[in-house]
Amino acid sequence: MIQIRLLLLGAAFLIQSHPAFASEHSAATLHPLSQPGQISLTPAFTPDGKTAYFALSECANIGNCPQTLHIARFEDGTWTKPERLGLSLKGYNGETARVDWPSVTPDGKTLLFSWSRERAEKLSESPMEDFDLWSLDLSDKNAKPIALQGEALNLTRGGRLGRIEYFYNETAPELTDTGELYFWTQREGGAGGRDIYLSRKLPDGRFTKPEILPAPINTAGNDTLSWMSADGATMLLTRNGDIHRSKKVDGVWSEPMPLGPHINSSYSDFAATLTPDGKSIVFSSTRPGKDGVAGLIQIWQAAYKD
């Protein structure tokens, strides 16, 4: 097995290269939103399933070209060609701002996403590439993105610790019906590497100070959130290159269990979400695509049963 560290979205994801086993991948198929030759990341769907928002790179190698937010619509039985949303590309230190892991709130009115756009109020802290959590009002075509506000929510990535993988980047925001905001990041005092945190929305729209989720959700390794049900009772997360599921019973999260081999493979499978009807799971993977070559991150789909 050859392990290759790939700098993805400001983080070091561990990509594993193995010989291909066709039977392992027979149940999962490429999602039509995958773009040939381009890194295509898991989409966020509106509640009616007719609109998808997702991050798309303009080439096959992350870091060599911009990673921007796109929109596609399901019309006449097929997905339209993705269109780039006009978000600012101005990042810190002359870098191009990148977009990461969007989600749509349960009411379909707000898009949440991670974005490394330069923020004037942070310039005095000399940040590196710094992903923060943002929102966009989908009901107003003239709306501008707004950074989420709250104590210790969007920290500044800088200094000695800012040079360590994903320190002080916040990403993959998921909001429940009751205003619970889940996301993942890497911080001092964490359980291990990347960890999943919880913050709660206050009446004034701000969020409480994030709390790290206890075991069994977070471990000494890397645990990253990818999807949360609207009722906050089911979570999909990534651990050791596989997609896991956990359920909350009587306020306690169950031990995350890996999904079956029709979803997980010997390659890196991560950032899963469910379609609004709950019948399909959609995720990112480095498994071989149509050309039989592994490594290019593409969007895959498979049947899902709760």
C-alpha atoms as a PDB file:
ATOM      1  CA  MET A   1       0.000   0.000   0.000  1.00  0.00           C
ATOM      2  CA  ILE A   2       1.331   3.408  -0.929  1.00  0.00           C
ATOM      3  CA  GLN A   3       0.272   6.338   1.241  1.00  0.00           C
ATOM      4  CA  ILE A   4       0.273   9.721  -0.380  1.00  0.00           C
ATOM      5  CA  ARG A   5      -0.446  12.947   1.467  1.00  0.00           C
ATOM      6  CA  LEU A   6      -2.573  15.256  -0.631  1.00  0.00           C
ATOM      7  CA  LEU A   7      -3.199  18.806   0.479  1.00  0.00           C
ATOM      8  CA  LEU A   8      -6.965  19.066   0.154  1.00  0.00           C
ATOM      9  CA  LEU A   9      -8.910  22.186   1.154  1.00  0.00           C
ATOM     10  CA  GLY A  10      -6.182  23.295   3.522  1.00  0.00           C
ATOM     11  CA  ALA A  11      -6.048  19.883   5.198  1.00  0.00           C
ATOM     12  CA  ALA A  12      -3.875  16.823   4.732  1.00  0.00           C
ATOM     13  CA  PHE A  13      -6.194  13.993   3.762  1.00  0.00           C
ATOM     14  CA  LEU A  14      -4.602  10.558   3.693  1.00  0.00           C
ATOM     15  CA  ILE A  15      -5.260   9.010   0.298  1.00  0.00           C
ATOM     16  CA  GLN A  16      -4.656   5.292   0.037  1.00  0.00           C
ATOM     17  CA  SER A  17      -3.769   3.630  -3.238  1.00  0.00           C
ATOM     18  CA  HIS A  18      -4.620  -0.051  -3.605  1.00  0.00           C
ATOM     19  CA  PRO A  19      -5.145  -2.514  -6.434  1.00  0.00           C
ATOM     20  CA  ALA A  20      -8.668  -2.228  -7.796  1.00  0.00           C
ATOM     21  CA  PHE A  21     -11.248  -4.835  -6.869  1.00  0.00           C
ATOM     22  CA  ALA A  22     -14.177  -4.513  -9.267  1.00  0.00           C
ATOM     23  CA  SER A  23     -16.657  -6.307  -7.007  1.00  0.00           C
ATOM     24  CA  GLU A  24     -15.966  -3.783  -4.247  1.00  0.00           C
ATOM     25  CA  HIS A  25     -17.282  -0.939  -6.349  1.00  0.00           C
ATOM     26  CA  SER A  26     -20.114  -2.666  -8.225  1.00  0.00           C
ATOM     27  CA  ALA A  27     -22.886  -1.092  -6.107  1.00  0.00           C
ATOM     28  CA  ALA A  28     -21.610   2.482  -6.239  1.00  0.00           C
ATOM     29  CA  THR A  29     -21.745   4.502  -9.440  1.00  0.00           C
ATOM     30  CA  LEU A  30     -20.407   7.862 -10.517  1.00  0.00           C
ATOM     31  CA  HIS A  31     -22.876  10.633  -9.799  1.00  0.00           C
ATOM     32  CA  PRO A  32     -23.803  12.718 -12.866  1.00  0.00           C
ATOM     33  CA  LEU A  33     -22.543  15.870 -11.115  1.00  0.00           C
ATOM     34  CA  SER A  34     -18.976  14.533 -11.333  1.00  0.00           C
ATOM     35  CA  GLN A  35     -17.017  16.525 -13.892  1.00  0.00           C
ATOM     36  CA  PRO A  36     -14.464  14.640 -16.029  1.00  0.00           C
ATOM     37  CA  GLY A  37     -10.877  15.578 -15.235  1.00  0.00           C
ATOM     38  CA  GLN A  38     -11.881  17.894 -12.378  1.00  0.00           C
ATOM     39  CA  ILE A  39     -11.978  17.393  -8.637  1.00  0.00           C
ATOM     40  CA  SER A  40     -15.702  17.253  -7.830  1.00  0.00           C
ATOM     41  CA  LEU A  41     -16.770  17.301  -4.182  1.00  0.00           C
ATOM     42  CA  THR A  42     -19.948  16.079  -2.480  1.00  0.00           C
ATOM     43  CA  PRO A  43     -22.950  18.331  -3.186  1.00  0.00           C
ATOM     44  CA  ALA A  44     -25.499  19.808  -0.816  1.00  0.00           C
ATOM     45  CA  PHE A  45     -29.100  19.370  -1.943  1.00  0.00           C
ATOM     46  CA  THR A  46     -32.085  21.609  -1.339  1.00  0.00           C
ATOM     47  CA  PRO A  47     -34.980  19.864   0.472  1.00  0.00           C
ATOM     48  CA  ASP A  48     -36.854  19.266  -2.801  1.00  0.00           C
ATOM     49  CA  GLY A  49     -33.764  17.644  -4.348  1.00  0.00           C
ATOM     50  CA  LYS A  50     -33.916  19.903  -7.389  1.00  0.00           C
ATOM     51  CA  THR A  51     -30.869  22.078  -6.718  1.00  0.00           C
ATOM     52  CA  ALA A  52     -27.319  21.127  -5.756  1.00  0.00           C
ATOM     53  CA  TYR A  53     -24.458  23.282  -4.515  1.00  0.00           C
ATOM     54  CA  PHE A  54     -20.928  21.915  -4.568  1.00  0.00           C
ATOM     55  CA  ALA A  55     -17.252  22.795  -4.691  1.00  0.00           C
ATOM     56  CA  LEU A  56     -15.526  22.123  -7.989  1.00  0.00           C
ATOM     57  CA  SER A  57     -11.889  22.491  -8.962  1.00  0.00           C
ATOM     58  CA  GLU A  58     -10.924  23.509 -12.466  1.00  0.00           C
ATOM     59  CA  CYS A  59      -8.369  20.722 -12.814  1.00  0.00           C
ATOM     60  CA  ALA A  60      -7.344  17.340 -11.436  1.00  0.00           C
ATOM     61  CA  ASN A  61      -4.679  18.498  -8.979  1.00  0.00           C
ATOM     62  CA  ILE A  62      -5.806  20.294  -5.833  1.00  0.00           C
ATOM     63  CA  GLY A  63      -3.891  23.490  -5.210  1.00  0.00           C
ATOM     64  CA  ASN A  64      -3.032  24.023  -8.896  1.00  0.00           C
ATOM     65  CA  CYS A  65      -6.236  25.910  -9.649  1.00  0.00           C
ATOM     66  CA  PRO A  66      -9.189  27.548  -7.862  1.00  0.00           C
ATOM     67  CA  GLN A  67     -11.834  25.604  -5.973  1.00  0.00           C
ATOM     68  CA  THR A  68     -15.122  27.437  -6.362  1.00  0.00           C
ATOM     69  CA  LEU A  69     -18.791  27.081  -5.458  1.00  0.00           C
ATOM     70  CA  HIS A  70     -21.112  25.847  -8.203  1.00  0.00           C
ATOM     71  CA  ILE A  71     -24.850  25.340  -8.633  1.00  0.00           C
ATOM     72  CA  ALA A  72     -26.693  22.794 -10.770  1.00  0.00           C
ATOM     73  CA  ARG A  73     -30.410  22.130 -11.194  1.00  0.00           C
ATOM     74  CA  PHE A  74     -32.330  18.939 -11.864  1.00  0.00           C
ATOM     75  CA  GLU A  75     -34.487  19.627 -14.930  1.00  0.00           C
ATOM     76  CA  ASP A  76     -36.248  17.253 -17.314  1.00  0.00           C
ATOM     77  CA  GLY A  77     -34.732  14.211 -15.632  1.00  0.00           C
ATOM     78  CA  THR A  78     -31.110  15.345 -15.714  1.00  0.00           C
ATOM     79  CA  TRP A  79     -28.688  17.709 -13.976  1.00  0.00           C
ATOM     80  CA  THR A  80     -27.836  20.950 -15.760  1.00  0.00           C
ATOM     81  CA  LYS A  81     -24.263  22.011 -16.431  1.00  0.00           C
ATOM     82  CA  PRO A  82     -22.757  23.449 -13.213  1.00  0.00           C
ATOM     83  CA  GLU A  83     -22.542  27.229 -13.041  1.00  0.00           C
ATOM     84  CA  ARG A  84     -20.054  29.041 -10.837  1.00  0.00           C
ATOM     85  CA  LEU A  85     -21.515  31.368  -8.233  1.00  0.00           C
ATOM     86  CA  GLY A  86     -19.884  34.777  -8.179  1.00  0.00           C
ATOM     87  CA  LEU A  87     -18.171  34.634  -4.796  1.00  0.00           C
ATOM     88  CA  SER A  88     -15.033  36.669  -4.199  1.00  0.00           C
ATOM     89  CA  LEU A  89     -11.759  34.911  -4.954  1.00  0.00           C
ATOM     90  CA  LYS A  90      -9.698  37.247  -2.746  1.00  0.00           C
ATOM     91  CA  GLY A  91      -7.950  35.176  -0.117  1.00  0.00           C
ATOM     92  CA  TYR A  92      -5.226  35.978   2.387  1.00  0.00           C
ATOM     93  CA  ASN A  93      -1.653  36.814   1.355  1.00  0.00           C
ATOM     94  CA  GLY A  94      -2.574  37.096  -2.307  1.00  0.00           C
ATOM     95  CA  GLU A  95      -3.933  33.544  -2.452  1.00  0.00           C
ATOM     96  CA  THR A  96      -7.153  32.570  -4.193  1.00  0.00           C
ATOM     97  CA  ALA A  97     -10.043  32.045  -1.772  1.00  0.00           C
ATOM     98  CA  ARG A  98     -11.491  28.543  -1.848  1.00  0.00           C
ATOM     99  CA  VAL A  99     -14.907  27.126  -0.953  1.00  0.00           C
ATOM    100  CA  ASP A 100     -15.404  23.973   1.067  1.00  0.00           C
ATOM    101  CA  TRP A 101     -18.265  21.537   1.931  1.00  0.00           C
ATOM    102  CA  PRO A 102     -21.593  23.421   1.676  1.00  0.00           C
ATOM    103  CA  SER A 103     -24.923  22.409   3.207  1.00  0.00           C
ATOM    104  CA  VAL A 104     -28.496  23.672   2.927  1.00  0.00           C
ATOM    105  CA  THR A 105     -30.500  24.296   6.101  1.00  0.00           C
ATOM    106  CA  PRO A 106     -33.580  22.076   6.649  1.00  0.00           C
ATOM    107  CA  ASP A 107     -35.968  24.893   5.669  1.00  0.00           C
ATOM    108  CA  GLY A 108     -34.110  25.359   2.370  1.00  0.00           C
ATOM    109  CA  LYS A 109     -33.630  29.087   2.984  1.00  0.00           C
ATOM    110  CA  THR A 110     -29.934  29.277   3.798  1.00  0.00           C
ATOM    111  CA  LEU A 111     -26.715  27.922   2.322  1.00  0.00           C
ATOM    112  CA  LEU A 112     -23.934  27.249   4.815  1.00  0.00           C
ATOM    113  CA  PHE A 113     -20.354  26.732   3.662  1.00  0.00           C
ATOM    114  CA  SER A 114     -16.697  27.122   4.544  1.00  0.00           C
ATOM    115  CA  TRP A 115     -14.749  29.839   2.736  1.00  0.00           C
ATOM    116  CA  SER A 116     -11.209  31.195   2.913  1.00  0.00           C
ATOM    117  CA  ARG A 117     -12.126  34.690   1.757  1.00  0.00           C
ATOM    118  CA  GLU A 118     -10.047  37.504   3.231  1.00  0.00           C
ATOM    119  CA  ARG A 119     -11.748  39.234   6.182  1.00  0.00           C
ATOM    120  CA  ALA A 120     -10.578  42.753   7.062  1.00  0.00           C
ATOM    121  CA  GLU A 121     -11.130  42.235  10.782  1.00  0.00           C
ATOM    122  CA  LYS A 122      -8.588  39.392  10.781  1.00  0.00           C
ATOM    123  CA  LEU A 123      -5.751  41.038   8.861  1.00  0.00           C
ATOM    124  CA  SER A 124      -4.075  42.330  12.026  1.00  0.00           C
ATOM    125  CA  GLU A 125      -3.606  38.698  13.139  1.00  0.00           C
ATOM    126  CA  SER A 126      -1.595  37.827  10.001  1.00  0.00           C
ATOM    127  CA  PRO A 127      -3.669  34.779   9.063  1.00  0.00           C
ATOM    128  CA  MET A 128      -2.657  32.012   6.707  1.00  0.00           C
ATOM    129  CA  GLU A 129      -5.247  30.432   4.418  1.00  0.00           C
ATOM    130  CA  ASP A 130      -8.160  30.588   6.858  1.00  0.00           C
ATOM    131  CA  PHE A 131     -11.471  28.813   6.329  1.00  0.00           C
ATOM    132  CA  ASP A 132     -14.429  30.267   8.267  1.00  0.00           C
ATOM    133  CA  LEU A 133     -18.114  29.345   8.392  1.00  0.00           C
ATOM    134  CA  TRP A 134     -20.405  31.502   6.244  1.00  0.00           C
ATOM    135  CA  SER A 135     -24.092  31.740   5.343  1.00  0.00           C
ATOM    136  CA  LEU A 136     -25.963  32.931   2.263  1.00  0.00           C
ATOM    137  CA  ASP A 137     -29.677  33.784   2.170  1.00  0.00           C
ATOM    138  CA  LEU A 138     -31.092  31.728  -0.725  1.00  0.00           C
ATOM    139  CA  SER A 139     -34.419  33.580  -0.667  1.00  0.00           C
ATOM    140  CA  ASP A 140     -32.774  36.875  -1.682  1.00  0.00           C
ATOM    141  CA  LYS A 141     -31.038  36.918  -5.064  1.00  0.00           C
ATOM    142  CA  ASN A 142     -29.143  40.045  -4.000  1.00  0.00           C
ATOM    143  CA  ALA A 143     -27.941  38.629  -0.692  1.00  0.00           C
ATOM    144  CA  LYS A 144     -24.252  38.680   0.192  1.00  0.00           C
ATOM    145  CA  PRO A 145     -22.453  35.989   2.208  1.00  0.00           C
ATOM    146  CA  ILE A 146     -22.226  36.661   5.945  1.00  0.00           C
ATOM    147  CA  ALA A 147     -19.663  35.115   8.283  1.00  0.00           C
ATOM    148  CA  LEU A 148     -21.297  33.282  11.173  1.00  0.00           C
ATOM    149  CA  GLN A 149     -20.845  35.064  14.481  1.00  0.00           C
ATOM    150  CA  GLY A 150     -20.237  33.635  17.947  1.00  0.00           C
ATOM    151  CA  GLU A 151     -17.681  33.272  20.707  1.00  0.00           C
ATOM    152  CA  ALA A 152     -14.679  31.253  19.514  1.00  0.00           C
ATOM    153  CA  LEU A 153     -16.615  30.097  16.458  1.00  0.00           C
ATOM    154  CA  ASN A 154     -14.449  31.278  13.561  1.00  0.00           C
ATOM    155  CA  LEU A 155     -10.920  31.291  14.937  1.00  0.00           C
ATOM    156  CA  THR A 156      -7.977  32.778  13.067  1.00  0.00           C
ATOM    157  CA  ARG A 157      -5.508  30.363  11.540  1.00  0.00           C
ATOM    158  CA  GLY A 158      -2.065  31.743  12.228  1.00  0.00           C
ATOM    159  CA  GLY A 159       1.025  31.496  14.383  1.00  0.00           C
ATOM    160  CA  ARG A 160       2.883  28.287  15.198  1.00  0.00           C
ATOM    161  CA  LEU A 161      -0.197  26.059  15.411  1.00  0.00           C
ATOM    162  CA  GLY A 162      -1.616  27.506  12.211  1.00  0.00           C
ATOM    163  CA  ARG A 163       1.103  25.643  10.339  1.00  0.00           C
ATOM    164  CA  ILE A 164      -0.220  22.285  11.533  1.00  0.00           C
ATOM    165  CA  GLU A 165      -2.516  20.681   8.976  1.00  0.00           C
ATOM    166  CA  TYR A 166      -6.063  21.968   9.596  1.00  0.00           C
ATOM    167  CA  PHE A 167      -5.620  23.982  12.792  1.00  0.00           C
ATOM    168  CA  TYR A 168      -8.189  26.767  13.252  1.00  0.00           C
ATOM    169  CA  ASN A 169     -10.006  26.098  10.002  1.00  0.00           C
ATOM    170  CA  GLU A 170     -13.749  25.512  10.410  1.00  0.00           C
ATOM    171  CA  THR A 171     -15.667  23.528   7.819  1.00  0.00           C
ATOM    172  CA  ALA A 172     -18.634  21.291   6.895  1.00  0.00           C
ATOM    173  CA  PRO A 173     -21.341  23.222   8.796  1.00  0.00           C
ATOM    174  CA  GLU A 174     -24.639  21.377   9.394  1.00  0.00           C
ATOM    175  CA  LEU A 175     -27.625  23.052  11.087  1.00  0.00           C
ATOM    176  CA  THR A 176     -30.540  21.099  12.599  1.00  0.00           C
ATOM    177  CA  ASP A 177     -34.186  22.087  13.001  1.00  0.00           C
ATOM    178  CA  THR A 178     -33.517  23.076  16.598  1.00  0.00           C
ATOM    179  CA  GLY A 179     -30.563  25.341  15.767  1.00  0.00           C
ATOM    180  CA  GLU A 180     -27.728  22.975  16.624  1.00  0.00           C
ATOM    181  CA  LEU A 181     -24.709  23.769  14.463  1.00  0.00           C
ATOM    182  CA  TYR A 182     -22.260  20.911  13.926  1.00  0.00           C
ATOM    183  CA  PHE A 183     -18.923  21.324  12.135  1.00  0.00           C
ATOM    184  CA  TRP A 184     -15.371  19.985  12.231  1.00  0.00           C
ATOM    185  CA  THR A 185     -12.031  21.608  12.828  1.00  0.00           C
ATOM    186  CA  GLN A 186      -8.686  21.061  14.550  1.00  0.00           C
ATOM    187  CA  ARG A 187      -7.995  22.938  17.778  1.00  0.00           C
ATOM    188  CA  GLU A 188      -5.955  22.897  20.954  1.00  0.00           C
ATOM    189  CA  GLY A 189      -7.622  20.732  23.565  1.00  0.00           C
ATOM    190  CA  GLY A 190      -9.164  18.445  20.961  1.00  0.00           C
ATOM    191  CA  ALA A 191      -9.511  14.701  21.273  1.00  0.00           C
ATOM    192  CA  GLY A 192      -6.987  13.974  18.548  1.00  0.00           C
ATOM    193  CA  GLY A 193      -6.485  15.452  15.098  1.00  0.00           C
ATOM    194  CA  ARG A 194      -9.626  16.773  13.417  1.00  0.00           C
ATOM    195  CA  ASP A 195     -12.687  16.740  15.674  1.00  0.00           C
ATOM    196  CA  ILE A 196     -16.431  17.414  15.485  1.00  0.00           C
ATOM    197  CA  TYR A 197     -17.874  20.334  17.456  1.00  0.00           C
ATOM    198  CA  LEU A 198     -21.340  21.566  18.423  1.00  0.00           C
ATOM    199  CA  SER A 199     -22.560  25.154  18.779  1.00  0.00           C
ATOM    200  CA  ARG A 200     -26.139  26.357  19.347  1.00  0.00           C
ATOM    201  CA  LYS A 201     -27.930  29.215  17.658  1.00  0.00           C
ATOM    202  CA  LEU A 202     -29.072  32.001  19.961  1.00  0.00           C
ATOM    203  CA  PRO A 203     -32.197  34.178  19.536  1.00  0.00           C
ATOM    204  CA  ASP A 204     -30.049  37.049  18.201  1.00  0.00           C
ATOM    205  CA  GLY A 205     -28.605  34.833  15.431  1.00  0.00           C
ATOM    206  CA  ARG A 206     -25.202  34.408  17.058  1.00  0.00           C
ATOM    207  CA  PHE A 207     -23.852  31.019  18.128  1.00  0.00           C
ATOM    208  CA  THR A 208     -22.649  29.728  21.477  1.00  0.00           C
ATOM    209  CA  LYS A 209     -19.035  28.809  22.159  1.00  0.00           C
ATOM    210  CA  PRO A 210     -18.383  25.483  20.373  1.00  0.00           C
ATOM    211  CA  GLU A 211     -18.164  22.309  22.457  1.00  0.00           C
ATOM    212  CA  ILE A 212     -16.216  19.281  21.331  1.00  0.00           C
ATOM    213  CA  LEU A 213     -18.368  16.168  21.100  1.00  0.00           C
ATOM    214  CA  PRO A 214     -17.274  13.431  23.506  1.00  0.00           C
ATOM    215  CA  ALA A 215     -16.398   9.832  22.710  1.00  0.00           C
ATOM    216  CA  PRO A 216     -17.426   7.780  20.859  1.00  0.00           C
ATOM    217  CA  ILE A 217     -17.780  10.495  18.181  1.00  0.00           C
ATOM    218  CA  ASN A 218     -14.296  11.944  18.583  1.00  0.00           C
ATOM    219  CA  THR A 219     -11.207   9.773  18.993  1.00  0.00           C
ATOM    220  CA  ALA A 220      -7.431  10.174  19.069  1.00  0.00           C
ATOM    221  CA  GLY A 221      -7.491  10.051  15.265  1.00  0.00           C
ATOM    222  CA  ASN A 222      -9.249  12.203  12.667  1.00  0.00           C
ATOM    223  CA  ASP A 223     -13.053  12.388  12.884  1.00  0.00           C
ATOM    224  CA  THR A 224     -14.811  14.617  10.391  1.00  0.00           C
ATOM    225  CA  LEU A 225     -18.505  15.413  10.092  1.00  0.00           C
ATOM    226  CA  SER A 226     -20.154  15.125   6.692  1.00  0.00           C
ATOM    227  CA  TRP A 227     -23.961  15.132   7.235  1.00  0.00           C
ATOM    228  CA  MET A 228     -26.510  15.594  10.004  1.00  0.00           C
ATOM    229  CA  SER A 229     -30.227  14.772   9.808  1.00  0.00           C
ATOM    230  CA  ALA A 230     -32.636  17.678  10.271  1.00  0.00           C
ATOM    231  CA  ASP A 231     -33.805  16.252  13.600  1.00  0.00           C
ATOM    232  CA  GLY A 232     -30.212  15.913  14.827  1.00  0.00           C
ATOM    233  CA  ALA A 233     -30.575  12.186  15.454  1.00  0.00           C
ATOM    234  CA  THR A 234     -28.392  10.685  12.713  1.00  0.00           C
ATOM    235  CA  MET A 235     -24.853  11.632  11.775  1.00  0.00           C
ATOM    236  CA  LEU A 236     -22.602  10.571   8.921  1.00  0.00           C
ATOM    237  CA  LEU A 237     -18.897  11.047   9.543  1.00  0.00           C
ATOM    238  CA  THR A 238     -15.562   9.985   8.111  1.00  0.00           C
ATOM    239  CA  ARG A 239     -12.994   7.984  10.041  1.00  0.00           C
ATOM    240  CA  ASN A 240      -9.929   6.151   8.697  1.00  0.00           C
ATOM    241  CA  GLY A 241     -10.941   6.777   5.095  1.00  0.00           C
ATOM    242  CA  ASP A 242     -14.367   5.146   5.547  1.00  0.00           C
ATOM    243  CA  ILE A 243     -17.874   6.515   5.949  1.00  0.00           C
ATOM    244  CA  HIS A 244     -19.476   5.825   9.342  1.00  0.00           C
ATOM    245  CA  ARG A 245     -22.926   6.351  10.823  1.00  0.00           C
ATOM    246  CA  SER A 246     -23.945   7.171  14.392  1.00  0.00           C
ATOM    247  CA  LYS A 247     -27.394   7.624  15.946  1.00  0.00           C
ATOM    248  CA  LYS A 248     -28.426   9.613  18.993  1.00  0.00           C
ATOM    249  CA  VAL A 249     -30.577   7.675  21.455  1.00  0.00           C
ATOM    250  CA  ASP A 250     -31.782   9.334  24.656  1.00  0.00           C
ATOM    251  CA  GLY A 251     -29.295  12.132  24.049  1.00  0.00           C
ATOM    252  CA  VAL A 252     -26.285   9.837  23.633  1.00  0.00           C
ATOM    253  CA  TRP A 253     -24.470   9.161  20.364  1.00  0.00           C
ATOM    254  CA  SER A 254     -23.901   5.511  19.480  1.00  0.00           C
ATOM    255  CA  GLU A 255     -20.524   4.075  18.489  1.00  0.00           C
ATOM    256  CA  PRO A 256     -20.010   5.090  14.831  1.00  0.00           C
ATOM    257  CA  MET A 257     -20.191   2.053  12.578  1.00  0.00           C
ATOM    258  CA  PRO A 258     -18.710   1.830   9.061  1.00  0.00           C
ATOM    259  CA  LEU A 259     -21.213   1.442   6.264  1.00  0.00           C
ATOM    260  CA  GLY A 260     -21.036  -1.680   4.127  1.00  0.00           C
ATOM    261  CA  PRO A 261     -18.637  -2.587   1.295  1.00  0.00           C
ATOM    262  CA  HIS A 262     -21.181  -1.411  -1.283  1.00  0.00           C
ATOM    263  CA  ILE A 263     -20.291   2.100  -0.047  1.00  0.00           C
ATOM    264  CA  ASN A 264     -16.814   1.932   1.509  1.00  0.00           C
ATOM    265  CA  SER A 265     -13.889   0.676  -0.550  1.00  0.00           C
ATOM    266  CA  SER A 266     -10.142   0.174  -0.203  1.00  0.00           C
ATOM    267  CA  TYR A 267      -9.754   3.748  -1.453  1.00  0.00           C
ATOM    268  CA  SER A 268     -10.582   6.940   0.451  1.00  0.00           C
ATOM    269  CA  ASP A 269     -14.341   7.447   0.806  1.00  0.00           C
ATOM    270  CA  PHE A 270     -15.509  10.525   2.696  1.00  0.00           C
ATOM    271  CA  ALA A 271     -17.879  13.493   3.030  1.00  0.00           C
ATOM    272  CA  ALA A 272     -21.130  11.564   2.594  1.00  0.00           C
ATOM    273  CA  THR A 273     -24.608  13.068   2.439  1.00  0.00           C
ATOM    274  CA  LEU A 274     -28.077  11.666   1.844  1.00  0.00           C
ATOM    275  CA  THR A 275     -30.436  12.698  -0.908  1.00  0.00           C
ATOM    276  CA  PRO A 276     -33.580  14.404   0.467  1.00  0.00           C
ATOM    277  CA  ASP A 277     -35.695  11.280  -0.116  1.00  0.00           C
ATOM    278  CA  GLY A 278     -33.258   9.244   1.988  1.00  0.00           C
ATOM    279  CA  LYS A 279     -32.885   6.576  -0.690  1.00  0.00           C
ATOM    280  CA  SER A 280     -29.343   7.341  -1.864  1.00  0.00           C
ATOM    281  CA  ILE A 281     -26.037   8.196  -0.262  1.00  0.00           C
ATOM    282  CA  VAL A 282     -23.753  10.566  -2.182  1.00  0.00           C
ATOM    283  CA  PHE A 283     -20.060  10.888  -1.296  1.00  0.00           C
ATOM    284  CA  SER A 284     -16.567  11.745  -2.474  1.00  0.00           C
ATOM    285  CA  SER A 285     -14.058   9.025  -3.330  1.00  0.00           C
ATOM    286  CA  THR A 286     -10.654   8.479  -4.922  1.00  0.00           C
ATOM    287  CA  ARG A 287     -11.646   5.070  -6.335  1.00  0.00           C
ATOM    288  CA  PRO A 288     -11.095   4.471 -10.065  1.00  0.00           C
ATOM    289  CA  GLY A 289     -13.503   6.307 -12.346  1.00  0.00           C
ATOM    290  CA  LYS A 290     -14.542   5.615 -15.913  1.00  0.00           C
ATOM    291  CA  ASP A 291     -10.917   5.653 -17.076  1.00  0.00           C
ATOM    292  CA  GLY A 292      -9.955   3.032 -14.503  1.00  0.00           C
ATOM    293  CA  VAL A 293      -7.422   5.347 -12.868  1.00  0.00           C
ATOM    294  CA  ALA A 294      -7.616   6.004  -9.129  1.00  0.00           C
ATOM    295  CA  GLY A 295      -6.771   9.255  -7.340  1.00  0.00           C
ATOM    296  CA  LEU A 296      -9.084  11.857  -8.853  1.00  0.00           C
ATOM    297  CA  ILE A 297     -11.699  12.852  -6.286  1.00  0.00           C
ATOM    298  CA  GLN A 298     -15.141  12.398  -7.813  1.00  0.00           C
ATOM    299  CA  ILE A 299     -18.760  12.227  -6.634  1.00  0.00           C
ATOM    300  CA  TRP A 300     -20.249   8.760  -6.214  1.00  0.00           C
ATOM    301  CA  GLN A 301     -23.673   7.435  -5.250  1.00  0.00           C
ATOM    302  CA  ALA A 302     -25.153   4.214  -3.902  1.00  0.00           C
ATOM    303  CA  ALA A 303     -28.457   2.921  -2.548  1.00  0.00           C
ATOM    304  CA  TYR A 304     -28.990   3.654   1.144  1.00  0.00           C
ATOM    305  CA  LYS A 305     -31.012   1.969   3.841  1.00  0.00           C
ATOM    306  CA  ASP A 306     -31.294   3.351   7.371  1.00  0.00           C
END
